Amino acid sequence: MSTALYVVISSRGDWWVDFEGHASGPFASKEDAAAEATQLARFAAHSGHESEVLVPDENGRHRIIWASDSEPHYYAPSAAE
């Protein structure tokens, strides 16, 4: 199973959350977009999907700030399921 990536991006002065080419937003700040991305990723994780949230740092390089494998209640289905 592939990992769902929720990517925080900046465009035209606003912040957005991109998931598979579909943007959510705009958000007033990078922090607001990151919080929404984390909520979306947690929902996906609790539905059994691996997920990560990526946010740009001060140099524009995206860093993982949350990953479902770090969530204590995340259920990862085995390959046999």
PDB file of N, CA and C in Angstrom:
ATOM      1  N   MET A   1       0.848  -1.174   0.000  1.00  0.00           N
ATOM      2  CA  MET A   1       0.000   0.000   0.000  1.00  0.00           C
ATOM      3  C   MET A   1       0.897   1.241   0.000  1.00  0.00           C
ATOM      4  N   SER A   2       0.547   2.223  -0.808  1.00  0.00           N
ATOM      5  CA  SER A   2       1.346   3.439  -0.874  1.00  0.00           C
ATOM      6  C   SER A   2       0.982   4.378   0.277  1.00  0.00           C
ATOM      7  N   THR A   3       1.878   5.298   0.547  1.00  0.00           N
ATOM      8  CA  THR A   3       1.677   6.263   1.620  1.00  0.00           C
ATOM      9  C   THR A   3       0.964   7.503   1.069  1.00  0.00           C
ATOM     10  N   ALA A   4      -0.079   7.936   1.753  1.00  0.00           N
ATOM     11  CA  ALA A   4      -0.794   9.164   1.382  1.00  0.00           C
ATOM     12  C   ALA A   4       0.026  10.348   1.872  1.00  0.00           C
ATOM     13  N   LEU A   5       0.363  11.254   0.957  1.00  0.00           N
ATOM     14  CA  LEU A   5       1.171  12.417   1.299  1.00  0.00           C
ATOM     15  C   LEU A   5       0.308  13.673   1.288  1.00  0.00           C
ATOM     16  N   TYR A   6       0.292  14.370   2.411  1.00  0.00           N
ATOM     17  CA  TYR A   6      -0.411  15.645   2.545  1.00  0.00           C
ATOM     18  C   TYR A   6       0.676  16.714   2.589  1.00  0.00           C
ATOM     19  N   VAL A   7       0.745  17.521   1.527  1.00  0.00           N
ATOM     20  CA  VAL A   7       1.850  18.452   1.353  1.00  0.00           C
ATOM     21  C   VAL A   7       1.352  19.884   1.498  1.00  0.00           C
ATOM     22  N   VAL A   8       1.971  20.628   2.408  1.00  0.00           N
ATOM     23  CA  VAL A   8       1.645  22.038   2.603  1.00  0.00           C
ATOM     24  C   VAL A   8       2.443  22.836   1.576  1.00  0.00           C
ATOM     25  N   ILE A   9       1.714  23.688   0.831  1.00  0.00           N
ATOM     26  CA  ILE A   9       2.355  24.489  -0.211  1.00  0.00           C
ATOM     27  C   ILE A   9       1.909  25.945  -0.091  1.00  0.00           C
ATOM     28  N   SER A  10       2.733  26.840  -0.631  1.00  0.00           N
ATOM     29  CA  SER A  10       2.407  28.256  -0.687  1.00  0.00           C
ATOM     30  C   SER A  10       2.203  28.630  -2.152  1.00  0.00           C
ATOM     31  N   SER A  11       1.119  29.364  -2.412  1.00  0.00           N
ATOM     32  CA  SER A  11       0.846  29.821  -3.766  1.00  0.00           C
ATOM     33  C   SER A  11       0.102  31.141  -3.710  1.00  0.00           C
ATOM     34  N   ARG A  12       0.652  32.133  -4.395  1.00  0.00           N
ATOM     35  CA  ARG A  12       0.025  33.456  -4.490  1.00  0.00           C
ATOM     36  C   ARG A  12      -0.299  34.062  -3.122  1.00  0.00           C
ATOM     37  N   GLY A  13       0.599  33.872  -2.178  1.00  0.00           N
ATOM     38  CA  GLY A  13       0.449  34.485  -0.865  1.00  0.00           C
ATOM     39  C   GLY A  13      -0.431  33.740   0.116  1.00  0.00           C
ATOM     40  N   ASP A  14      -0.967  32.593  -0.282  1.00  0.00           N
ATOM     41  CA  ASP A  14      -1.801  31.783   0.607  1.00  0.00           C
ATOM     42  C   ASP A  14      -1.151  30.424   0.820  1.00  0.00           C
ATOM     43  N   TRP A  15      -1.616  29.729   1.852  1.00  0.00           N
ATOM     44  CA  TRP A  15      -1.146  28.383   2.162  1.00  0.00           C
ATOM     45  C   TRP A  15      -2.238  27.381   1.850  1.00  0.00           C
ATOM     46  N   TRP A  16      -1.840  26.237   1.327  1.00  0.00           N
ATOM     47  CA  TRP A  16      -2.760  25.203   0.875  1.00  0.00           C
ATOM     48  C   TRP A  16      -2.266  23.844   1.336  1.00  0.00           C
ATOM     49  N   VAL A  17      -3.171  22.862   1.359  1.00  0.00           N
ATOM     50  CA  VAL A  17      -2.803  21.463   1.587  1.00  0.00           C
ATOM     51  C   VAL A  17      -3.102  20.724   0.288  1.00  0.00           C
ATOM     52  N   ASP A  18      -2.076  20.111  -0.278  1.00  0.00           N
ATOM     53  CA  ASP A  18      -2.243  19.342  -1.505  1.00  0.00           C
ATOM     54  C   ASP A  18      -2.268  17.855  -1.177  1.00  0.00           C
ATOM     55  N   PHE A  19      -3.260  17.161  -1.730  1.00  0.00           N
ATOM     56  CA  PHE A  19      -3.336  15.704  -1.617  1.00  0.00           C
ATOM     57  C   PHE A  19      -3.715  15.163  -2.986  1.00  0.00           C
ATOM     58  N   GLU A  20      -2.773  14.475  -3.603  1.00  0.00           N
ATOM     59  CA  GLU A  20      -2.975  13.855  -4.920  1.00  0.00           C
ATOM     60  C   GLU A  20      -3.485  14.855  -5.954  1.00  0.00           C
ATOM     61  N   GLY A  21      -2.925  16.072  -5.939  1.00  0.00           N
ATOM     62  CA  GLY A  21      -3.280  17.070  -6.934  1.00  0.00           C
ATOM     63  C   GLY A  21      -4.514  17.883  -6.627  1.00  0.00           C
ATOM     64  N   HIS A  22      -5.153  17.627  -5.486  1.00  0.00           N
ATOM     65  CA  HIS A  22      -6.332  18.382  -5.073  1.00  0.00           C
ATOM     66  C   HIS A  22      -5.950  19.252  -3.876  1.00  0.00           C
ATOM     67  N   ALA A  23      -6.198  20.551  -4.004  1.00  0.00           N
ATOM     68  CA  ALA A  23      -5.800  21.488  -2.952  1.00  0.00           C
ATOM     69  C   ALA A  23      -6.967  21.825  -2.037  1.00  0.00           C
ATOM     70  N   SER A  24      -6.673  21.908  -0.735  1.00  0.00           N
ATOM     71  CA  SER A  24      -7.624  22.392   0.271  1.00  0.00           C
ATOM     72  C   SER A  24      -7.104  23.712   0.776  1.00  0.00           C
ATOM     73  N   GLY A  25      -7.981  24.651   0.995  1.00  0.00           N
ATOM     74  CA  GLY A  25      -7.563  25.946   1.492  1.00  0.00           C
ATOM     75  C   GLY A  25      -8.306  27.039   0.773  1.00  0.00           C
ATOM     76  N   PRO A  26      -7.847  28.241   0.861  1.00  0.00           N
ATOM     77  CA  PRO A  26      -6.561  28.663   1.427  1.00  0.00           C
ATOM     78  C   PRO A  26      -6.616  28.796   2.949  1.00  0.00           C
ATOM     79  N   PHE A  27      -5.420  28.804   3.532  1.00  0.00           N
ATOM     80  CA  PHE A  27      -5.249  28.984   4.961  1.00  0.00           C
ATOM     81  C   PHE A  27      -4.426  30.241   5.198  1.00  0.00           C
ATOM     82  N   ALA A  28      -4.666  30.898   6.316  1.00  0.00           N
ATOM     83  CA  ALA A  28      -4.014  32.175   6.624  1.00  0.00           C
ATOM     84  C   ALA A  28      -2.525  32.033   6.914  1.00  0.00           C
ATOM     85  N   SER A  29      -2.110  30.840   7.387  1.00  0.00           N
ATOM     86  CA  SER A  29      -0.704  30.663   7.750  1.00  0.00           C
ATOM     87  C   SER A  29      -0.254  29.240   7.444  1.00  0.00           C
ATOM     88  N   LYS A  30       1.045  29.083   7.412  1.00  0.00           N
ATOM     89  CA  LYS A  30       1.626  27.747   7.219  1.00  0.00           C
ATOM     90  C   LYS A  30       1.219  26.830   8.358  1.00  0.00           C
ATOM     91  N   GLU A  31       1.164  27.374   9.571  1.00  0.00           N
ATOM     92  CA  GLU A  31       0.791  26.578  10.732  1.00  0.00           C
ATOM     93  C   GLU A  31      -0.656  26.088  10.637  1.00  0.00           C
ATOM     94  N   ASP A  32      -1.557  26.948  10.154  1.00  0.00           N
ATOM     95  CA  ASP A  32      -2.953  26.538   9.980  1.00  0.00           C
ATOM     96  C   ASP A  32      -3.072  25.435   8.934  1.00  0.00           C
ATOM     97  N   ALA A  33      -2.341  25.577   7.842  1.00  0.00           N
ATOM     98  CA  ALA A  33      -2.355  24.552   6.792  1.00  0.00           C
ATOM     99  C   ALA A  33      -1.769  23.245   7.315  1.00  0.00           C
ATOM    100  N   ALA A  34      -0.703  23.327   8.095  1.00  0.00           N
ATOM    101  CA  ALA A  34      -0.081  22.125   8.661  1.00  0.00           C
ATOM    102  C   ALA A  34      -1.025  21.425   9.626  1.00  0.00           C
ATOM    103  N   ALA A  35      -1.767  22.194  10.415  1.00  0.00           N
ATOM    104  CA  ALA A  35      -2.726  21.603  11.355  1.00  0.00           C
ATOM    105  C   ALA A  35      -3.832  20.874  10.596  1.00  0.00           C
ATOM    106  N   GLU A  36      -4.333  21.475   9.525  1.00  0.00           N
ATOM    107  CA  GLU A  36      -5.368  20.828   8.719  1.00  0.00           C
ATOM    108  C   GLU A  36      -4.818  19.571   8.041  1.00  0.00           C
ATOM    109  N   ALA A  37      -3.611  19.654   7.507  1.00  0.00           N
ATOM    110  CA  ALA A  37      -2.987  18.497   6.864  1.00  0.00           C
ATOM    111  C   ALA A  37      -2.830  17.348   7.855  1.00  0.00           C
ATOM    112  N   THR A  38      -2.452  17.665   9.079  1.00  0.00           N
ATOM    113  CA  THR A  38      -2.282  16.639  10.104  1.00  0.00           C
ATOM    114  C   THR A  38      -3.612  15.989  10.450  1.00  0.00           C
ATOM    115  N   GLN A  39      -4.665  16.795  10.547  1.00  0.00           N
ATOM    116  CA  GLN A  39      -5.998  16.236  10.812  1.00  0.00           C
ATOM    117  C   GLN A  39      -6.418  15.289   9.685  1.00  0.00           C
ATOM    118  N   LEU A  40      -6.214  15.701   8.444  1.00  0.00           N
ATOM    119  CA  LEU A  40      -6.565  14.858   7.298  1.00  0.00           C
ATOM    120  C   LEU A  40      -5.746  13.565   7.290  1.00  0.00           C
ATOM    121  N   ALA A  41      -4.465  13.688   7.587  1.00  0.00           N
ATOM    122  CA  ALA A  41      -3.593  12.515   7.604  1.00  0.00           C
ATOM    123  C   ALA A  41      -3.965  11.564   8.739  1.00  0.00           C
ATOM    124  N   ARG A  42      -4.322  12.103   9.887  1.00  0.00           N
ATOM    125  CA  ARG A  42      -4.754  11.260  11.016  1.00  0.00           C
ATOM    126  C   ARG A  42      -6.040  10.508  10.671  1.00  0.00           C
ATOM    127  N   PHE A  43      -6.961  11.183  10.002  1.00  0.00           N
ATOM    128  CA  PHE A  43      -8.199  10.523   9.591  1.00  0.00           C
ATOM    129  C   PHE A  43      -7.879   9.367   8.645  1.00  0.00           C
ATOM    130  N   ALA A  44      -6.986   9.601   7.686  1.00  0.00           N
ATOM    131  CA  ALA A  44      -6.584   8.539   6.761  1.00  0.00           C
ATOM    132  C   ALA A  44      -5.925   7.387   7.515  1.00  0.00           C
ATOM    133  N   ALA A  45      -5.085   7.715   8.496  1.00  0.00           N
ATOM    134  CA  ALA A  45      -4.392   6.680   9.269  1.00  0.00           C
ATOM    135  C   ALA A  45      -5.371   5.840  10.071  1.00  0.00           C
ATOM    136  N   HIS A  46      -6.347   6.483  10.669  1.00  0.00           N
ATOM    137  CA  HIS A  46      -7.325   5.744  11.464  1.00  0.00           C
ATOM    138  C   HIS A  46      -8.254   4.922  10.587  1.00  0.00           C
ATOM    139  N   SER A  47      -8.241   5.207   9.279  1.00  0.00           N
ATOM    140  CA  SER A  47      -8.995   4.400   8.314  1.00  0.00           C
ATOM    141  C   SER A  47      -8.126   3.291   7.735  1.00  0.00           C
ATOM    142  N   GLY A  48      -6.889   3.163   8.243  1.00  0.00           N
ATOM    143  CA  GLY A  48      -6.005   2.083   7.829  1.00  0.00           C
ATOM    144  C   GLY A  48      -5.023   2.416   6.734  1.00  0.00           C
ATOM    145  N   HIS A  49      -4.848   3.697   6.410  1.00  0.00           N
ATOM    146  CA  HIS A  49      -3.921   4.097   5.350  1.00  0.00           C
ATOM    147  C   HIS A  49      -2.683   4.749   5.948  1.00  0.00           C
ATOM    148  N   GLU A  50      -1.511   4.347   5.467  1.00  0.00           N
ATOM    149  CA  GLU A  50      -0.294   5.024   5.891  1.00  0.00           C
ATOM    150  C   GLU A  50      -0.340   6.439   5.345  1.00  0.00           C
ATOM    151  N   SER A  51       0.106   7.417   6.148  1.00  0.00           N
ATOM    152  CA  SER A  51       0.068   8.806   5.703  1.00  0.00           C
ATOM    153  C   SER A  51       1.185   9.613   6.346  1.00  0.00           C
ATOM    154  N   GLU A  52       1.544  10.706   5.663  1.00  0.00           N
ATOM    155  CA  GLU A  52       2.572  11.619   6.150  1.00  0.00           C
ATOM    156  C   GLU A  52       2.163  13.044   5.816  1.00  0.00           C
ATOM    157  N   VAL A  53       2.648  13.984   6.630  1.00  0.00           N
ATOM    158  CA  VAL A  53       2.450  15.409   6.388  1.00  0.00           C
ATOM    159  C   VAL A  53       3.817  16.023   6.134  1.00  0.00           C
ATOM    160  N   LEU A  54       3.928  16.739   5.008  1.00  0.00           N
ATOM    161  CA  LEU A  54       5.171  17.405   4.645  1.00  0.00           C
ATOM    162  C   LEU A  54       4.954  18.909   4.604  1.00  0.00           C
ATOM    163  N   VAL A  55       5.865  19.650   5.262  1.00  0.00           N
ATOM    164  CA  VAL A  55       5.765  21.107   5.359  1.00  0.00           C
ATOM    165  C   VAL A  55       7.122  21.699   4.980  1.00  0.00           C
ATOM    166  N   PRO A  56       7.127  22.793   4.198  1.00  0.00           N
ATOM    167  CA  PRO A  56       8.414  23.392   3.830  1.00  0.00           C
ATOM    168  C   PRO A  56       9.080  24.087   5.015  1.00  0.00           C
ATOM    169  N   ASP A  57      10.402  23.943   5.075  1.00  0.00           N
ATOM    170  CA  ASP A  57      11.157  24.650   6.107  1.00  0.00           C
ATOM    171  C   ASP A  57      11.523  26.045   5.590  1.00  0.00           C
ATOM    172  N   GLU A  58      12.364  26.758   6.328  1.00  0.00           N
ATOM    173  CA  GLU A  58      12.722  28.130   5.950  1.00  0.00           C
ATOM    174  C   GLU A  58      13.504  28.201   4.638  1.00  0.00           C
ATOM    175  N   ASN A  59      14.046  27.070   4.182  1.00  0.00           N
ATOM    176  CA  ASN A  59      14.775  27.014   2.915  1.00  0.00           C
ATOM    177  C   ASN A  59      13.919  26.457   1.774  1.00  0.00           C
ATOM    178  N   GLY A  60      12.657  26.171   2.058  1.00  0.00           N
ATOM    179  CA  GLY A  60      11.763  25.656   1.032  1.00  0.00           C
ATOM    180  C   GLY A  60      11.816  24.155   0.826  1.00  0.00           C
ATOM    181  N   ARG A  61      12.603  23.460   1.648  1.00  0.00           N
ATOM    182  CA  ARG A  61      12.689  22.001   1.554  1.00  0.00           C
ATOM    183  C   ARG A  61      11.610  21.385   2.425  1.00  0.00           C
ATOM    184  N   HIS A  62      10.862  20.463   1.850  1.00  0.00           N
ATOM    185  CA  HIS A  62       9.769  19.834   2.602  1.00  0.00           C
ATOM    186  C   HIS A  62      10.302  18.795   3.581  1.00  0.00           C
ATOM    187  N   ARG A  63       9.780  18.871   4.793  1.00  0.00           N
ATOM    188  CA  ARG A  63      10.156  17.968   5.884  1.00  0.00           C
ATOM    189  C   ARG A  63       8.903  17.275   6.399  1.00  0.00           C
ATOM    190  N   ILE A  64       9.061  16.022   6.801  1.00  0.00           N
ATOM    191  CA  ILE A  64       7.945  15.288   7.397  1.00  0.00           C
ATOM    192  C   ILE A  64       7.757  15.789   8.825  1.00  0.00           C
ATOM    193  N   ILE A  65       6.548  16.282   9.126  1.00  0.00           N
ATOM    194  CA  ILE A  65       6.276  16.739  10.495  1.00  0.00           C
ATOM    195  C   ILE A  65       5.373  15.767  11.237  1.00  0.00           C
ATOM    196  N   TRP A  66       4.732  14.856  10.509  1.00  0.00           N
ATOM    197  CA  TRP A  66       3.876  13.848  11.137  1.00  0.00           C
ATOM    198  C   TRP A  66       3.813  12.636  10.216  1.00  0.00           C
ATOM    199  N   ALA A  67       3.866  11.444  10.799  1.00  0.00           N
ATOM    200  CA  ALA A  67       3.752  10.210  10.032  1.00  0.00           C
ATOM    201  C   ALA A  67       2.897   9.223  10.806  1.00  0.00           C
ATOM    202  N   SER A  68       2.056   8.493  10.097  1.00  0.00           N
ATOM    203  CA  SER A  68       1.129   7.578  10.759  1.00  0.00           C
ATOM    204  C   SER A  68       1.841   6.491  11.538  1.00  0.00           C
ATOM    205  N   ASP A  69       3.037   6.109  11.117  1.00  0.00           N
ATOM    206  CA  ASP A  69       3.729   5.058  11.865  1.00  0.00           C
ATOM    207  C   ASP A  69       4.214   5.543  13.226  1.00  0.00           C
ATOM    208  N   SER A  70       4.117   6.861  13.475  1.00  0.00           N
ATOM    209  CA  SER A  70       4.469   7.388  14.801  1.00  0.00           C
ATOM    210  C   SER A  70       3.245   7.560  15.700  1.00  0.00           C
ATOM    211  N   GLU A  71       2.064   7.344  15.124  1.00  0.00           N
ATOM    212  CA  GLU A  71       0.805   7.480  15.869  1.00  0.00           C
ATOM    213  C   GLU A  71       0.572   6.203  16.676  1.00  0.00           C
ATOM    214  N   PRO A  72       0.380   6.290  17.990  1.00  0.00           N
ATOM    215  CA  PRO A  72       0.262   5.091  18.819  1.00  0.00           C
ATOM    216  C   PRO A  72      -0.926   4.196  18.487  1.00  0.00           C
ATOM    217  N   HIS A  73      -2.008   4.741  17.952  1.00  0.00           N
ATOM    218  CA  HIS A  73      -3.193   3.931  17.694  1.00  0.00           C
ATOM    219  C   HIS A  73      -3.372   3.585  16.228  1.00  0.00           C
ATOM    220  N   TYR A  74      -2.327   3.799  15.445  1.00  0.00           N
ATOM    221  CA  TYR A  74      -2.411   3.520  14.011  1.00  0.00           C
ATOM    222  C   TYR A  74      -2.451   2.016  13.780  1.00  0.00           C
ATOM    223  N   TYR A  75      -3.367   1.583  12.942  1.00  0.00           N
ATOM    224  CA  TYR A  75      -3.499   0.168  12.589  1.00  0.00           C
ATOM    225  C   TYR A  75      -3.026  -0.018  11.156  1.00  0.00           C
ATOM    226  N   ALA A  76      -1.959  -0.764  10.966  1.00  0.00           N
ATOM    227  CA  ALA A  76      -1.463  -1.050   9.625  1.00  0.00           C
ATOM    228  C   ALA A  76      -1.859  -2.459   9.246  1.00  0.00           C
ATOM    229  N   PRO A  77      -2.709  -2.623   8.230  1.00  0.00           N
ATOM    230  CA  PRO A  77      -3.080  -3.977   7.830  1.00  0.00           C
ATOM    231  C   PRO A  77      -1.876  -4.751   7.327  1.00  0.00           C
ATOM    232  N   SER A  78      -1.841  -6.011   7.612  1.00  0.00           N
ATOM    233  CA  SER A  78      -0.726  -6.836   7.141  1.00  0.00           C
ATOM    234  C   SER A  78      -0.923  -7.152   5.674  1.00  0.00           C
ATOM    235  N   ALA A  79       0.137  -7.589   5.025  1.00  0.00           N
ATOM    236  CA  ALA A  79       0.073  -7.935   3.600  1.00  0.00           C
ATOM    237  C   ALA A  79      -0.887  -9.087   3.348  1.00  0.00           C
ATOM    238  N   ALA A  80      -1.144  -9.909   4.356  1.00  0.00           N
ATOM    239  CA  ALA A  80      -2.016 -11.065   4.204  1.00  0.00           C
ATOM    240  C   ALA A  80      -3.495 -10.674   4.185  1.00  0.00           C
ATOM    241  N   GLU A  81      -3.807  -9.463   4.657  1.00  0.00           N
ATOM    242  CA  GLU A  81      -5.218  -9.038   4.728  1.00  0.00           C
ATOM    243  C   GLU A  81      -5.730  -8.563   3.398  1.00  0.00           C
TER     244      GLU A  81
END
